[in-house]
Amino acid sequence: MAVGESGTEFGLDQAAVDRLTDQLAGLDRLGVAFSGGVDSSTLLALAVRALGPAQVLAVIGVSPSLASDERAAAHDVARFVGASVIEVVTHEAERSAYRANGPDRCYHCKDELFTRIGDEVCTQHGLDAVAYGENADDVVRPDRPGARAATEHRVLRPLADAGLDKAAVRRIARVLNLPCADKPAAPCLASRIPHHEPVTAEKLAQIENAEQSLRRLGFGDCRVRHHGDIARVELPLADLARAAGELRSQVHGAVISAGFRFATVDLAGIQSGAFTLPLVAVHRA
């Protein structure tokens, strides 16, 4: 596997990878908040490469907002990389501010995760630092309130600090042959619920079931936005004709069987930050 080999060439990203490696130098044992997405997976792989597999621990936060397919895929990636994994059950749903689902919902989720890692994991597993997969593009986005929680808990952000943006992370993941290198972004299930509409376990289960059924129909990248009785399905533009044509009845059935009354397909396609970005005002001098 490429992760463990010395002398791997990262081309135009080599200098940034070297900067990341220098950041991690001197750490005895690192915990990586790990989702199995391309960012945290690339960070995990580079950390294993820099420190060795025995010195890196992948920490998966488990709650109803994590789809079971994503949880299984995360374990597959960690196994490929050669990192040990532990799961930490998080209880963000017990926080009223999280359930209220304001634009800062992600802050409360990340605060819960980093609190659990700090209280339960660092001492038990001898971690002297925790890192997460924020990249350089995330730093300038206004819809990433989880970054504030990371700062408050002194969580490292090696990808961003090394200047690695989303495109660079993808390139490095491909060099390392990571199974998730071309995986679409997969935000947590709660991101499918409009802000100020409460997050509930029932809604999260509906979303997960609908998206799982759509993936079985061959839609690898999909999001089901929860609007009460209505499911608004987001797909890549290239998939819209198929969803509204030859697979129309199957798409409808996938959504209805998850507990929605109506199924719609959004002609705008996949929309990152669809609920949060319109509510975040950005003022620049």
C-alpha atoms as a PDB file:
ATOM      1  CA  MET A   1       0.000   0.000   0.000  1.00  0.00           C
ATOM      2  CA  ALA A   2       1.279   3.455  -0.904  1.00  0.00           C
ATOM      3  CA  VAL A   3       0.562   4.921   2.539  1.00  0.00           C
ATOM      4  CA  GLY A   4       3.394   3.117   4.233  1.00  0.00           C
ATOM      5  CA  GLU A   5       6.005   3.534   1.521  1.00  0.00           C
ATOM      6  CA  SER A   6       8.810   6.074   1.744  1.00  0.00           C
ATOM      7  CA  GLY A   7       9.688   8.362  -1.141  1.00  0.00           C
ATOM      8  CA  THR A   8       6.139   8.771  -2.427  1.00  0.00           C
ATOM      9  CA  GLU A   9       6.051  11.671  -4.860  1.00  0.00           C
ATOM     10  CA  PHE A  10       3.128  14.061  -4.614  1.00  0.00           C
ATOM     11  CA  GLY A  11       4.129  16.278  -7.516  1.00  0.00           C
ATOM     12  CA  LEU A  12       2.978  19.875  -7.111  1.00  0.00           C
ATOM     13  CA  ASP A  13       1.589  19.026  -3.662  1.00  0.00           C
ATOM     14  CA  GLN A  14       4.904  17.710  -2.317  1.00  0.00           C
ATOM     15  CA  ALA A  15       5.872  20.934  -0.525  1.00  0.00           C
ATOM     16  CA  ALA A  16       2.506  21.090   1.247  1.00  0.00           C
ATOM     17  CA  VAL A  17       2.760  17.428   2.263  1.00  0.00           C
ATOM     18  CA  ASP A  18       6.219  18.154   3.651  1.00  0.00           C
ATOM     19  CA  ARG A  19       4.801  21.073   5.643  1.00  0.00           C
ATOM     20  CA  LEU A  20       2.121  18.813   7.077  1.00  0.00           C
ATOM     21  CA  THR A  21       4.703  16.188   7.989  1.00  0.00           C
ATOM     22  CA  ASP A  22       6.770  18.847   9.747  1.00  0.00           C
ATOM     23  CA  GLN A  23       3.686  19.940  11.720  1.00  0.00           C
ATOM     24  CA  LEU A  24       3.214  16.434  13.064  1.00  0.00           C
ATOM     25  CA  ALA A  25       6.878  15.874  13.892  1.00  0.00           C
ATOM     26  CA  GLY A  26       7.409  15.509  17.605  1.00  0.00           C
ATOM     27  CA  LEU A  27       3.925  14.211  18.383  1.00  0.00           C
ATOM     28  CA  ASP A  28       3.999  10.951  20.279  1.00  0.00           C
ATOM     29  CA  ARG A  29       0.437   9.859  19.559  1.00  0.00           C
ATOM     30  CA  LEU A  30      -2.218  11.566  17.462  1.00  0.00           C
ATOM     31  CA  GLY A  31      -5.974  11.131  17.395  1.00  0.00           C
ATOM     32  CA  VAL A  32      -7.789  11.958  14.158  1.00  0.00           C
ATOM     33  CA  ALA A  33     -11.486  12.829  14.264  1.00  0.00           C
ATOM     34  CA  PHE A  34     -12.462  10.535  11.449  1.00  0.00           C
ATOM     35  CA  SER A  35     -15.545  10.343   9.237  1.00  0.00           C
ATOM     36  CA  GLY A  36     -14.214   8.331   6.295  1.00  0.00           C
ATOM     37  CA  GLY A  37     -14.617  11.276   3.927  1.00  0.00           C
ATOM     38  CA  VAL A  38     -11.756  12.237   1.664  1.00  0.00           C
ATOM     39  CA  ASP A  39     -10.440  15.007   3.947  1.00  0.00           C
ATOM     40  CA  SER A  40     -10.202  13.058   7.190  1.00  0.00           C
ATOM     41  CA  SER A  41      -9.065   9.942   5.315  1.00  0.00           C
ATOM     42  CA  THR A  42      -6.219  11.791   3.617  1.00  0.00           C
ATOM     43  CA  LEU A  43      -5.212  13.335   6.926  1.00  0.00           C
ATOM     44  CA  LEU A  44      -5.284   9.922   8.578  1.00  0.00           C
ATOM     45  CA  ALA A  45      -3.179   8.388   5.818  1.00  0.00           C
ATOM     46  CA  LEU A  46      -0.583  11.184   5.905  1.00  0.00           C
ATOM     47  CA  ALA A  47      -0.432  10.982   9.699  1.00  0.00           C
ATOM     48  CA  VAL A  48       0.208   7.226   9.537  1.00  0.00           C
ATOM     49  CA  ARG A  49       2.868   7.871   6.920  1.00  0.00           C
ATOM     50  CA  ALA A  50       4.535  10.516   9.127  1.00  0.00           C
ATOM     51  CA  LEU A  51       4.226   8.925  12.571  1.00  0.00           C
ATOM     52  CA  GLY A  52       3.635   5.223  11.952  1.00  0.00           C
ATOM     53  CA  PRO A  53       0.407   3.241  12.361  1.00  0.00           C
ATOM     54  CA  ALA A  54       0.948   2.524  16.056  1.00  0.00           C
ATOM     55  CA  GLN A  55       1.041   6.248  16.827  1.00  0.00           C
ATOM     56  CA  VAL A  56      -2.222   7.243  15.125  1.00  0.00           C
ATOM     57  CA  LEU A  57      -5.775   6.521  16.269  1.00  0.00           C
ATOM     58  CA  ALA A  58      -8.888   7.148  14.162  1.00  0.00           C
ATOM     59  CA  VAL A  59     -11.850   8.289  16.272  1.00  0.00           C
ATOM     60  CA  ILE A  60     -15.334   7.945  14.777  1.00  0.00           C
ATOM     61  CA  GLY A  61     -18.186   9.830  16.417  1.00  0.00           C
ATOM     62  CA  VAL A  62     -21.319   7.693  16.266  1.00  0.00           C
ATOM     63  CA  SER A  63     -24.841   9.102  16.539  1.00  0.00           C
ATOM     64  CA  PRO A  64     -28.119   8.992  14.587  1.00  0.00           C
ATOM     65  CA  SER A  65     -26.744  11.694  12.268  1.00  0.00           C
ATOM     66  CA  LEU A  66     -24.111   9.277  10.923  1.00  0.00           C
ATOM     67  CA  ALA A  67     -25.503   6.999   8.214  1.00  0.00           C
ATOM     68  CA  SER A  68     -24.736   3.315   8.712  1.00  0.00           C
ATOM     69  CA  ASP A  69     -23.228   3.088   5.219  1.00  0.00           C
ATOM     70  CA  GLU A  70     -20.835   5.942   6.054  1.00  0.00           C
ATOM     71  CA  ARG A  71     -19.871   4.289   9.318  1.00  0.00           C
ATOM     72  CA  ALA A  72     -19.015   1.018   7.581  1.00  0.00           C
ATOM     73  CA  ALA A  73     -17.097   2.799   4.835  1.00  0.00           C
ATOM     74  CA  ALA A  74     -15.021   4.678   7.409  1.00  0.00           C
ATOM     75  CA  HIS A  75     -13.900   1.394   8.961  1.00  0.00           C
ATOM     76  CA  ASP A  76     -12.957   0.111   5.507  1.00  0.00           C
ATOM     77  CA  VAL A  77     -10.756   3.134   4.834  1.00  0.00           C
ATOM     78  CA  ALA A  78      -9.050   2.966   8.225  1.00  0.00           C
ATOM     79  CA  ARG A  79      -8.366  -0.720   7.655  1.00  0.00           C
ATOM     80  CA  PHE A  80      -6.811   0.086   4.283  1.00  0.00           C
ATOM     81  CA  VAL A  81      -4.632   2.797   5.817  1.00  0.00           C
ATOM     82  CA  GLY A  82      -3.613   0.540   8.684  1.00  0.00           C
ATOM     83  CA  ALA A  83      -4.829   2.752  11.523  1.00  0.00           C
ATOM     84  CA  SER A  84      -6.563   1.537  14.648  1.00  0.00           C
ATOM     85  CA  VAL A  85     -10.142   2.738  15.113  1.00  0.00           C
ATOM     86  CA  ILE A  86     -12.318   3.428  18.097  1.00  0.00           C
ATOM     87  CA  GLU A  87     -15.895   4.654  18.140  1.00  0.00           C
ATOM     88  CA  VAL A  88     -17.178   7.278  20.546  1.00  0.00           C
ATOM     89  CA  VAL A  89     -20.908   7.645  21.045  1.00  0.00           C
ATOM     90  CA  THR A  90     -21.852  11.317  20.920  1.00  0.00           C
ATOM     91  CA  HIS A  91     -24.988  12.837  22.418  1.00  0.00           C
ATOM     92  CA  GLU A  92     -25.499  16.059  20.505  1.00  0.00           C
ATOM     93  CA  ALA A  93     -29.223  15.265  20.309  1.00  0.00           C
ATOM     94  CA  GLU A  94     -29.419  15.901  24.058  1.00  0.00           C
ATOM     95  CA  ARG A  95     -28.347  19.499  23.479  1.00  0.00           C
ATOM     96  CA  SER A  96     -31.304  21.816  22.958  1.00  0.00           C
ATOM     97  CA  ALA A  97     -29.221  24.165  20.791  1.00  0.00           C
ATOM     98  CA  TYR A  98     -28.381  21.298  18.443  1.00  0.00           C
ATOM     99  CA  ARG A  99     -31.990  20.143  18.211  1.00  0.00           C
ATOM    100  CA  ALA A 100     -33.115  23.735  17.537  1.00  0.00           C
ATOM    101  CA  ASN A 101     -31.055  23.497  14.327  1.00  0.00           C
ATOM    102  CA  GLY A 102     -29.908  27.069  13.915  1.00  0.00           C
ATOM    103  CA  PRO A 103     -27.145  27.943  11.449  1.00  0.00           C
ATOM    104  CA  ASP A 104     -24.669  27.138  14.245  1.00  0.00           C
ATOM    105  CA  ARG A 105     -25.870  23.524  14.603  1.00  0.00           C
ATOM    106  CA  CYS A 106     -22.521  22.189  13.399  1.00  0.00           C
ATOM    107  CA  TYR A 107     -20.772  24.040  16.225  1.00  0.00           C
ATOM    108  CA  HIS A 108     -22.778  22.166  18.845  1.00  0.00           C
ATOM    109  CA  CYS A 109     -22.175  18.836  17.093  1.00  0.00           C
ATOM    110  CA  LYS A 110     -18.401  19.385  16.864  1.00  0.00           C
ATOM    111  CA  ASP A 111     -18.263  20.722  20.415  1.00  0.00           C
ATOM    112  CA  GLU A 112     -19.896  17.499  21.604  1.00  0.00           C
ATOM    113  CA  LEU A 113     -17.489  15.358  19.555  1.00  0.00           C
ATOM    114  CA  PHE A 114     -14.337  17.166  20.688  1.00  0.00           C
ATOM    115  CA  THR A 115     -15.541  17.199  24.288  1.00  0.00           C
ATOM    116  CA  ARG A 116     -16.054  13.428  24.195  1.00  0.00           C
ATOM    117  CA  ILE A 117     -12.647  12.868  22.617  1.00  0.00           C
ATOM    118  CA  GLY A 118     -11.002  15.098  25.182  1.00  0.00           C
ATOM    119  CA  ASP A 119     -12.787  13.607  28.183  1.00  0.00           C
ATOM    120  CA  GLU A 120     -12.876   9.936  27.215  1.00  0.00           C
ATOM    121  CA  VAL A 121     -10.199   9.219  24.654  1.00  0.00           C
ATOM    122  CA  CYS A 122      -7.064  11.297  25.148  1.00  0.00           C
ATOM    123  CA  THR A 123      -6.187   9.996  28.589  1.00  0.00           C
ATOM    124  CA  GLN A 124      -7.267   6.418  27.960  1.00  0.00           C
ATOM    125  CA  HIS A 125      -5.305   6.127  24.716  1.00  0.00           C
ATOM    126  CA  GLY A 126      -2.390   8.384  25.546  1.00  0.00           C
ATOM    127  CA  LEU A 127      -3.087  10.998  22.881  1.00  0.00           C
ATOM    128  CA  ASP A 128      -1.131  14.224  23.117  1.00  0.00           C
ATOM    129  CA  ALA A 129      -3.031  15.916  20.276  1.00  0.00           C
ATOM    130  CA  VAL A 130      -6.227  15.618  18.230  1.00  0.00           C
ATOM    131  CA  ALA A 131      -6.613  16.729  14.600  1.00  0.00           C
ATOM    132  CA  TYR A 132      -9.483  16.985  12.147  1.00  0.00           C
ATOM    133  CA  GLY A 133      -9.825  17.262   8.391  1.00  0.00           C
ATOM    134  CA  GLU A 134     -10.519  20.926   7.746  1.00  0.00           C
ATOM    135  CA  ASN A 135      -8.936  21.925   4.427  1.00  0.00           C
ATOM    136  CA  ALA A 136      -7.836  25.330   3.146  1.00  0.00           C
ATOM    137  CA  ASP A 137     -11.095  25.859   1.228  1.00  0.00           C
ATOM    138  CA  ASP A 138     -13.131  25.239   4.387  1.00  0.00           C
ATOM    139  CA  VAL A 139     -11.253  28.005   6.203  1.00  0.00           C
ATOM    140  CA  VAL A 140     -12.745  30.719   3.987  1.00  0.00           C
ATOM    141  CA  ARG A 141     -16.292  29.337   3.905  1.00  0.00           C
ATOM    142  CA  PRO A 142     -18.760  31.178   6.156  1.00  0.00           C
ATOM    143  CA  ASP A 143     -20.892  28.063   6.745  1.00  0.00           C
ATOM    144  CA  ARG A 144     -18.393  26.098   8.848  1.00  0.00           C
ATOM    145  CA  PRO A 145     -19.226  26.942  12.499  1.00  0.00           C
ATOM    146  CA  GLY A 146     -17.652  23.665  13.611  1.00  0.00           C
ATOM    147  CA  ALA A 147     -14.284  25.342  13.124  1.00  0.00           C
ATOM    148  CA  ARG A 148     -14.967  27.494  16.192  1.00  0.00           C
ATOM    149  CA  ALA A 149     -15.403  24.364  18.304  1.00  0.00           C
ATOM    150  CA  ALA A 150     -12.115  23.013  16.969  1.00  0.00           C
ATOM    151  CA  THR A 151     -10.353  26.233  17.979  1.00  0.00           C
ATOM    152  CA  GLU A 152     -11.878  26.178  21.456  1.00  0.00           C
ATOM    153  CA  HIS A 153     -10.737  22.577  21.990  1.00  0.00           C
ATOM    154  CA  ARG A 154      -7.287  23.220  20.480  1.00  0.00           C
ATOM    155  CA  VAL A 155      -7.856  20.650  17.763  1.00  0.00           C
ATOM    156  CA  LEU A 156      -5.201  20.703  15.047  1.00  0.00           C
ATOM    157  CA  ARG A 157      -6.091  21.350  11.377  1.00  0.00           C
ATOM    158  CA  PRO A 158      -2.980  20.107   9.543  1.00  0.00           C
ATOM    159  CA  LEU A 159      -4.467  20.098   6.023  1.00  0.00           C
ATOM    160  CA  ALA A 160      -5.543  23.728   6.220  1.00  0.00           C
ATOM    161  CA  ASP A 161      -2.345  24.874   7.929  1.00  0.00           C
ATOM    162  CA  ALA A 162      -0.295  23.201   5.195  1.00  0.00           C
ATOM    163  CA  GLY A 163      -2.309  25.061   2.542  1.00  0.00           C
ATOM    164  CA  LEU A 164      -4.011  21.966   1.124  1.00  0.00           C
ATOM    165  CA  ASP A 165      -7.325  22.797  -0.519  1.00  0.00           C
ATOM    166  CA  LYS A 166     -10.020  20.363  -1.608  1.00  0.00           C
ATOM    167  CA  ALA A 167      -8.482  19.732  -5.032  1.00  0.00           C
ATOM    168  CA  ALA A 168      -5.054  19.045  -3.522  1.00  0.00           C
ATOM    169  CA  VAL A 169      -6.549  16.672  -0.966  1.00  0.00           C
ATOM    170  CA  ARG A 170      -8.232  14.734  -3.791  1.00  0.00           C
ATOM    171  CA  ARG A 171      -4.957  14.516  -5.710  1.00  0.00           C
ATOM    172  CA  ILE A 172      -3.086  13.222  -2.683  1.00  0.00           C
ATOM    173  CA  ALA A 173      -5.831  10.696  -1.930  1.00  0.00           C
ATOM    174  CA  ARG A 174      -5.468   9.331  -5.445  1.00  0.00           C
ATOM    175  CA  VAL A 175      -1.683   9.059  -5.119  1.00  0.00           C
ATOM    176  CA  LEU A 176      -2.224   7.110  -1.904  1.00  0.00           C
ATOM    177  CA  ASN A 177      -4.830   4.909  -3.635  1.00  0.00           C
ATOM    178  CA  LEU A 178      -7.365   5.613  -0.910  1.00  0.00           C
ATOM    179  CA  PRO A 179     -10.695   3.856  -1.588  1.00  0.00           C
ATOM    180  CA  CYS A 180     -12.534   7.136  -0.903  1.00  0.00           C
ATOM    181  CA  ALA A 181     -10.385   9.261  -3.257  1.00  0.00           C
ATOM    182  CA  ASP A 182     -13.280   9.945  -5.618  1.00  0.00           C
ATOM    183  CA  LYS A 183     -16.062   9.647  -3.083  1.00  0.00           C
ATOM    184  CA  PRO A 184     -18.603  12.512  -3.175  1.00  0.00           C
ATOM    185  CA  ALA A 185     -18.867  14.760  -0.146  1.00  0.00           C
ATOM    186  CA  ALA A 186     -21.222  13.293   2.457  1.00  0.00           C
ATOM    187  CA  PRO A 187     -22.288  15.852   5.075  1.00  0.00           C
ATOM    188  CA  CYS A 188     -24.080  14.528   8.146  1.00  0.00           C
ATOM    189  CA  LEU A 189     -27.745  13.630   7.846  1.00  0.00           C
ATOM    190  CA  ALA A 190     -28.808  16.607   9.974  1.00  0.00           C
ATOM    191  CA  SER A 191     -27.624  18.947   7.224  1.00  0.00           C
ATOM    192  CA  ARG A 192     -30.638  17.825   5.171  1.00  0.00           C
ATOM    193  CA  ILE A 193     -33.106  19.451   7.587  1.00  0.00           C
ATOM    194  CA  PRO A 194     -33.892  23.171   7.067  1.00  0.00           C
ATOM    195  CA  HIS A 195     -32.550  25.439   9.791  1.00  0.00           C
ATOM    196  CA  HIS A 196     -34.957  26.198  12.638  1.00  0.00           C
ATOM    197  CA  GLU A 197     -36.857  22.973  11.914  1.00  0.00           C
ATOM    198  CA  PRO A 198     -36.017  20.627  14.815  1.00  0.00           C
ATOM    199  CA  VAL A 199     -33.621  17.743  14.329  1.00  0.00           C
ATOM    200  CA  THR A 200     -35.216  14.468  15.418  1.00  0.00           C
ATOM    201  CA  ALA A 201     -34.158  10.844  15.244  1.00  0.00           C
ATOM    202  CA  GLU A 202     -37.234  10.095  13.140  1.00  0.00           C
ATOM    203  CA  LYS A 203     -36.309  12.657  10.474  1.00  0.00           C
ATOM    204  CA  LEU A 204     -32.718  11.427  10.377  1.00  0.00           C
ATOM    205  CA  ALA A 205     -33.921   7.849   9.881  1.00  0.00           C
ATOM    206  CA  GLN A 206     -36.232   8.915   7.025  1.00  0.00           C
ATOM    207  CA  ILE A 207     -33.379  10.708   5.287  1.00  0.00           C
ATOM    208  CA  GLU A 208     -30.977   7.811   5.751  1.00  0.00           C
ATOM    209  CA  ASN A 209     -33.462   5.248   4.439  1.00  0.00           C
ATOM    210  CA  ALA A 210     -34.342   7.325   1.380  1.00  0.00           C
ATOM    211  CA  GLU A 211     -30.714   8.033   0.482  1.00  0.00           C
ATOM    212  CA  GLN A 212     -29.719   4.419   1.000  1.00  0.00           C
ATOM    213  CA  SER A 213     -32.465   3.303  -1.387  1.00  0.00           C
ATOM    214  CA  LEU A 214     -31.399   5.890  -3.983  1.00  0.00           C
ATOM    215  CA  ARG A 215     -27.799   4.693  -3.812  1.00  0.00           C
ATOM    216  CA  ARG A 216     -29.026   1.173  -4.499  1.00  0.00           C
ATOM    217  CA  LEU A 217     -30.605   2.536  -7.660  1.00  0.00           C
ATOM    218  CA  GLY A 218     -27.167   3.712  -8.769  1.00  0.00           C
ATOM    219  CA  PHE A 219     -27.213   7.317  -7.565  1.00  0.00           C
ATOM    220  CA  GLY A 220     -23.856   7.444  -5.824  1.00  0.00           C
ATOM    221  CA  ASP A 221     -24.155  11.138  -4.988  1.00  0.00           C
ATOM    222  CA  CYS A 222     -27.522  12.177  -3.588  1.00  0.00           C
ATOM    223  CA  ARG A 223     -29.072  14.236  -0.836  1.00  0.00           C
ATOM    224  CA  VAL A 224     -32.631  14.054   0.404  1.00  0.00           C
ATOM    225  CA  ARG A 225     -33.706  17.351   1.930  1.00  0.00           C
ATOM    226  CA  HIS A 226     -36.453  16.974   4.540  1.00  0.00           C
ATOM    227  CA  HIS A 227     -39.385  19.364   4.103  1.00  0.00           C
ATOM    228  CA  GLY A 228     -41.995  17.694   6.273  1.00  0.00           C
ATOM    229  CA  ASP A 229     -44.094  15.418   4.070  1.00  0.00           C
ATOM    230  CA  ILE A 230     -42.002  16.420   1.057  1.00  0.00           C
ATOM    231  CA  ALA A 231     -38.594  15.017   0.161  1.00  0.00           C
ATOM    232  CA  ARG A 232     -36.532  17.246  -2.120  1.00  0.00           C
ATOM    233  CA  VAL A 233     -34.009  15.011  -3.859  1.00  0.00           C
ATOM    234  CA  GLU A 234     -30.741  16.577  -5.000  1.00  0.00           C
ATOM    235  CA  LEU A 235     -28.700  14.720  -7.610  1.00  0.00           C
ATOM    236  CA  PRO A 236     -25.814  15.630  -9.920  1.00  0.00           C
ATOM    237  CA  LEU A 237     -27.098  17.332 -13.066  1.00  0.00           C
ATOM    238  CA  ALA A 238     -26.038  14.354 -15.171  1.00  0.00           C
ATOM    239  CA  ASP A 239     -28.444  12.118 -13.210  1.00  0.00           C
ATOM    240  CA  LEU A 240     -31.553  14.297 -13.423  1.00  0.00           C
ATOM    241  CA  ALA A 241     -32.855  12.928 -16.716  1.00  0.00           C
ATOM    242  CA  ARG A 242     -32.502   9.341 -15.550  1.00  0.00           C
ATOM    243  CA  ALA A 243     -34.206  10.097 -12.223  1.00  0.00           C
ATOM    244  CA  ALA A 244     -37.159  11.797 -13.926  1.00  0.00           C
ATOM    245  CA  GLY A 245     -37.293   9.339 -16.804  1.00  0.00           C
ATOM    246  CA  GLU A 246     -36.464   5.639 -16.821  1.00  0.00           C
ATOM    247  CA  LEU A 247     -36.129   5.427 -13.003  1.00  0.00           C
ATOM    248  CA  ARG A 248     -38.936   7.811 -12.091  1.00  0.00           C
ATOM    249  CA  SER A 249     -41.153   5.222 -10.438  1.00  0.00           C
ATOM    250  CA  GLN A 250     -38.226   3.655  -8.543  1.00  0.00           C
ATOM    251  CA  VAL A 251     -37.070   7.046  -7.260  1.00  0.00           C
ATOM    252  CA  HIS A 252     -40.608   7.843  -6.185  1.00  0.00           C
ATOM    253  CA  GLY A 253     -40.917   4.483  -4.451  1.00  0.00           C
ATOM    254  CA  ALA A 254     -37.578   4.893  -2.657  1.00  0.00           C
ATOM    255  CA  VAL A 255     -38.704   8.180  -1.147  1.00  0.00           C
ATOM    256  CA  ILE A 256     -42.261   7.144  -0.287  1.00  0.00           C
ATOM    257  CA  SER A 257     -41.088   3.927   1.355  1.00  0.00           C
ATOM    258  CA  ALA A 258     -38.912   6.019   3.674  1.00  0.00           C
ATOM    259  CA  GLY A 259     -42.010   7.689   5.081  1.00  0.00           C
ATOM    260  CA  PHE A 260     -42.477  10.809   2.934  1.00  0.00           C
ATOM    261  CA  ARG A 261     -45.789  11.568   1.217  1.00  0.00           C
ATOM    262  CA  PHE A 262     -44.350  13.425  -1.771  1.00  0.00           C
ATOM    263  CA  ALA A 263     -41.141  13.159  -3.780  1.00  0.00           C
ATOM    264  CA  THR A 264     -39.594  15.990  -5.754  1.00  0.00           C
ATOM    265  CA  VAL A 265     -36.346  16.200  -7.714  1.00  0.00           C
ATOM    266  CA  ASP A 266     -34.571  19.562  -7.531  1.00  0.00           C
ATOM    267  CA  LEU A 267     -33.602  20.813 -10.988  1.00  0.00           C
ATOM    268  CA  ALA A 268     -30.689  22.779  -9.474  1.00  0.00           C
ATOM    269  CA  GLY A 269     -28.868  19.546  -8.662  1.00  0.00           C
ATOM    270  CA  ILE A 270     -26.535  19.006  -5.700  1.00  0.00           C
ATOM    271  CA  GLN A 271     -26.188  22.163  -3.600  1.00  0.00           C
ATOM    272  CA  SER A 272     -23.478  22.315  -0.944  1.00  0.00           C
ATOM    273  CA  GLY A 273     -24.531  24.459   2.011  1.00  0.00           C
ATOM    274  CA  ALA A 274     -28.045  24.804   0.622  1.00  0.00           C
ATOM    275  CA  PHE A 275     -29.614  25.657   3.971  1.00  0.00           C
ATOM    276  CA  THR A 276     -26.771  27.438   5.746  1.00  0.00           C
ATOM    277  CA  LEU A 277     -25.189  29.727   3.161  1.00  0.00           C
ATOM    278  CA  PRO A 278     -28.328  31.860   2.569  1.00  0.00           C
ATOM    279  CA  LEU A 279     -28.504  32.592   6.311  1.00  0.00           C
ATOM    280  CA  VAL A 280     -24.874  33.574   6.758  1.00  0.00           C
ATOM    281  CA  ALA A 281     -24.017  37.195   6.063  1.00  0.00           C
ATOM    282  CA  VAL A 282     -20.455  37.798   4.966  1.00  0.00           C
ATOM    283  CA  HIS A 283     -19.088  41.308   5.343  1.00  0.00           C
ATOM    284  CA  ARG A 284     -15.730  42.128   3.872  1.00  0.00           C
ATOM    285  CA  ALA A 285     -13.850  45.369   4.236  1.00  0.00           C
END
